[in-house]
Amino acid sequence: MNILVNSLKDRDVGIWCKRAAWIVVAFNLINVGLNFYAALSQYSSAGIALTASVLAQTLRLGISIVPSMLFSFFILYAAGVLIDHFVGDEEEDDTDEIEEEIIEDAVPSRDRASR
């Protein structure tokens, strides 16, 4: 359990979710290309001429994968963003408050400067 908590604190989980989203897209695009190529090679080996209707059917077969690919991408990427936001939010708030205090201490106030 401590390993999971430490990974969340180190923001590794959010980064890996985002990377996994891009990996899913890459593999699915390769899959679409291979399906397109396989369908076209089946038509050409069967002696069917490559007409517009054959290309449209092949394209429809390849594009049928795209909605599930986009859904998987957005779910994984959103999970990574949410994890980064909720885990990283606490650390950034503390540093912002410290920086504001330092800036306020470093700049003299107008009341002191006008005296």
Protein backbone atom coordinates (compact mmCIF):
# COMPACT_ATOMS: atom_id res chain seq x y z
CA MET A 1 0.00 0.00 0.00
CA ASN A 2 2.87 2.37 0.76
CA ILE A 3 4.25 1.86 -2.75
CA LEU A 4 0.99 3.12 -4.27
CA VAL A 5 0.86 6.13 -1.95
CA ASN A 6 4.49 6.99 -2.69
CA SER A 7 3.88 6.67 -6.43
CA LEU A 8 0.91 9.01 -6.14
CA LYS A 9 2.96 11.53 -4.20
CA ASP A 10 5.76 11.37 -6.76
CA ARG A 11 3.19 11.99 -9.52
CA ASP A 12 4.37 8.87 -11.37
CA VAL A 13 0.86 7.49 -11.81
CA GLY A 14 -0.41 10.58 -13.60
CA ILE A 15 2.56 10.63 -15.95
CA TRP A 16 2.19 6.95 -16.74
CA CYS A 17 -1.54 7.35 -17.43
CA LYS A 18 -0.75 10.06 -19.96
CA ARG A 19 1.98 7.94 -21.56
CA ALA A 20 -0.34 4.94 -21.71
CA ALA A 21 -2.94 7.07 -23.48
CA TRP A 22 -0.44 7.92 -26.23
CA ILE A 23 0.69 4.29 -26.44
CA VAL A 24 -2.94 3.18 -26.90
CA VAL A 25 -3.33 5.68 -29.75
CA ALA A 26 -0.12 4.52 -31.42
CA PHE A 27 -1.04 0.84 -31.27
CA ASN A 28 -4.56 1.47 -32.51
CA LEU A 29 -3.31 3.57 -35.43
CA ILE A 30 -0.96 0.72 -36.36
CA ASN A 31 -3.91 -1.65 -36.07
CA VAL A 32 -6.03 0.52 -38.38
CA GLY A 33 -3.23 0.59 -40.94
CA LEU A 34 -2.71 -3.17 -40.79
CA ASN A 35 -6.45 -3.83 -41.11
CA PHE A 36 -6.61 -1.52 -44.11
CA TYR A 37 -3.63 -3.24 -45.74
CA ALA A 38 -4.96 -6.75 -45.00
CA ALA A 39 -8.39 -5.98 -46.44
CA LEU A 40 -6.91 -4.46 -49.59
CA SER A 41 -4.58 -7.41 -50.08
CA GLN A 42 -7.53 -9.82 -49.70
CA TYR A 43 -9.44 -8.01 -52.43
CA SER A 44 -6.46 -7.89 -54.76
CA SER A 45 -5.54 -11.57 -54.22
CA ALA A 46 -9.15 -12.57 -54.98
CA GLY A 47 -8.89 -10.79 -58.32
CA ILE A 48 -11.34 -8.01 -57.44
CA ALA A 49 -10.48 -4.65 -58.95
CA LEU A 50 -9.89 -1.85 -56.48
CA THR A 51 -12.83 0.43 -57.09
CA ALA A 52 -14.22 3.27 -55.02
CA SER A 53 -16.75 0.98 -53.33
CA VAL A 54 -14.03 -1.51 -52.35
CA LEU A 55 -11.91 1.31 -50.92
CA ALA A 56 -14.93 2.71 -49.07
CA GLN A 57 -15.67 -0.68 -47.49
CA THR A 58 -12.05 -1.07 -46.48
CA LEU A 59 -11.92 2.42 -45.04
CA ARG A 60 -15.14 1.80 -43.10
CA LEU A 61 -13.59 -1.33 -41.62
CA GLY A 62 -10.50 0.56 -40.50
CA ILE A 63 -12.36 3.55 -39.13
CA SER A 64 -14.62 1.39 -36.97
CA ILE A 65 -11.77 1.14 -34.47
CA VAL A 66 -11.37 4.91 -34.06
CA PRO A 67 -14.20 5.60 -31.55
CA SER A 68 -12.94 3.02 -29.06
CA MET A 69 -9.40 4.33 -29.54
CA LEU A 70 -10.46 7.91 -28.80
CA PHE A 71 -12.52 6.82 -25.79
CA SER A 72 -9.58 4.91 -24.31
CA PHE A 73 -7.23 7.83 -24.98
CA PHE A 74 -9.46 10.43 -23.34
CA ILE A 75 -10.23 8.25 -20.31
CA LEU A 76 -6.55 7.49 -19.65
CA TYR A 77 -5.40 11.04 -20.30
CA ALA A 78 -8.15 12.51 -18.11
CA ALA A 79 -7.26 10.10 -15.32
CA GLY A 80 -3.64 11.26 -15.52
CA VAL A 81 -4.63 14.92 -15.44
CA LEU A 82 -6.96 14.39 -12.48
CA ILE A 83 -4.33 12.50 -10.54
CA ASP A 84 -1.76 15.21 -11.23
CA HIS A 85 -4.25 17.90 -10.25
CA PHE A 86 -5.35 16.39 -6.94
CA VAL A 87 -1.96 15.07 -5.85
CA GLY A 88 0.12 17.97 -7.10
CA ASP A 89 -2.32 20.64 -5.94
CA GLU A 90 -1.35 20.38 -2.27
CA GLU A 91 2.38 20.75 -2.91
CA GLU A 92 1.98 23.70 -5.29
CA ASP A 93 -0.28 25.61 -2.85
CA ASP A 94 2.36 25.42 -0.13
CA THR A 95 5.12 26.71 -2.40
CA ASP A 96 2.89 29.51 -3.76
CA GLU A 97 2.16 30.74 -0.24
CA ILE A 98 5.85 30.70 0.66
CA GLU A 99 6.77 32.60 -2.51
CA GLU A 100 4.09 35.23 -1.80
CA GLU A 101 5.43 35.71 1.72
CA ILE A 102 8.97 36.14 0.41
CA ILE A 103 7.85 38.65 -2.20
CA GLU A 104 5.86 40.66 0.34
CA ASP A 105 8.83 40.75 2.73
CA ALA A 106 11.26 41.80 0.01
CA VAL A 107 9.21 44.73 -1.32
CA PRO A 108 9.02 47.73 0.98
CA SER A 109 5.54 49.06 1.56
CA ARG A 110 4.53 52.53 0.32
CA ASP A 111 3.87 53.71 3.86
CA ARG A 112 7.46 53.06 4.91
CA ALA A 113 8.92 54.57 1.72
CA SER A 114 6.92 57.81 1.95
CA ARG A 115 8.06 58.58 5.52
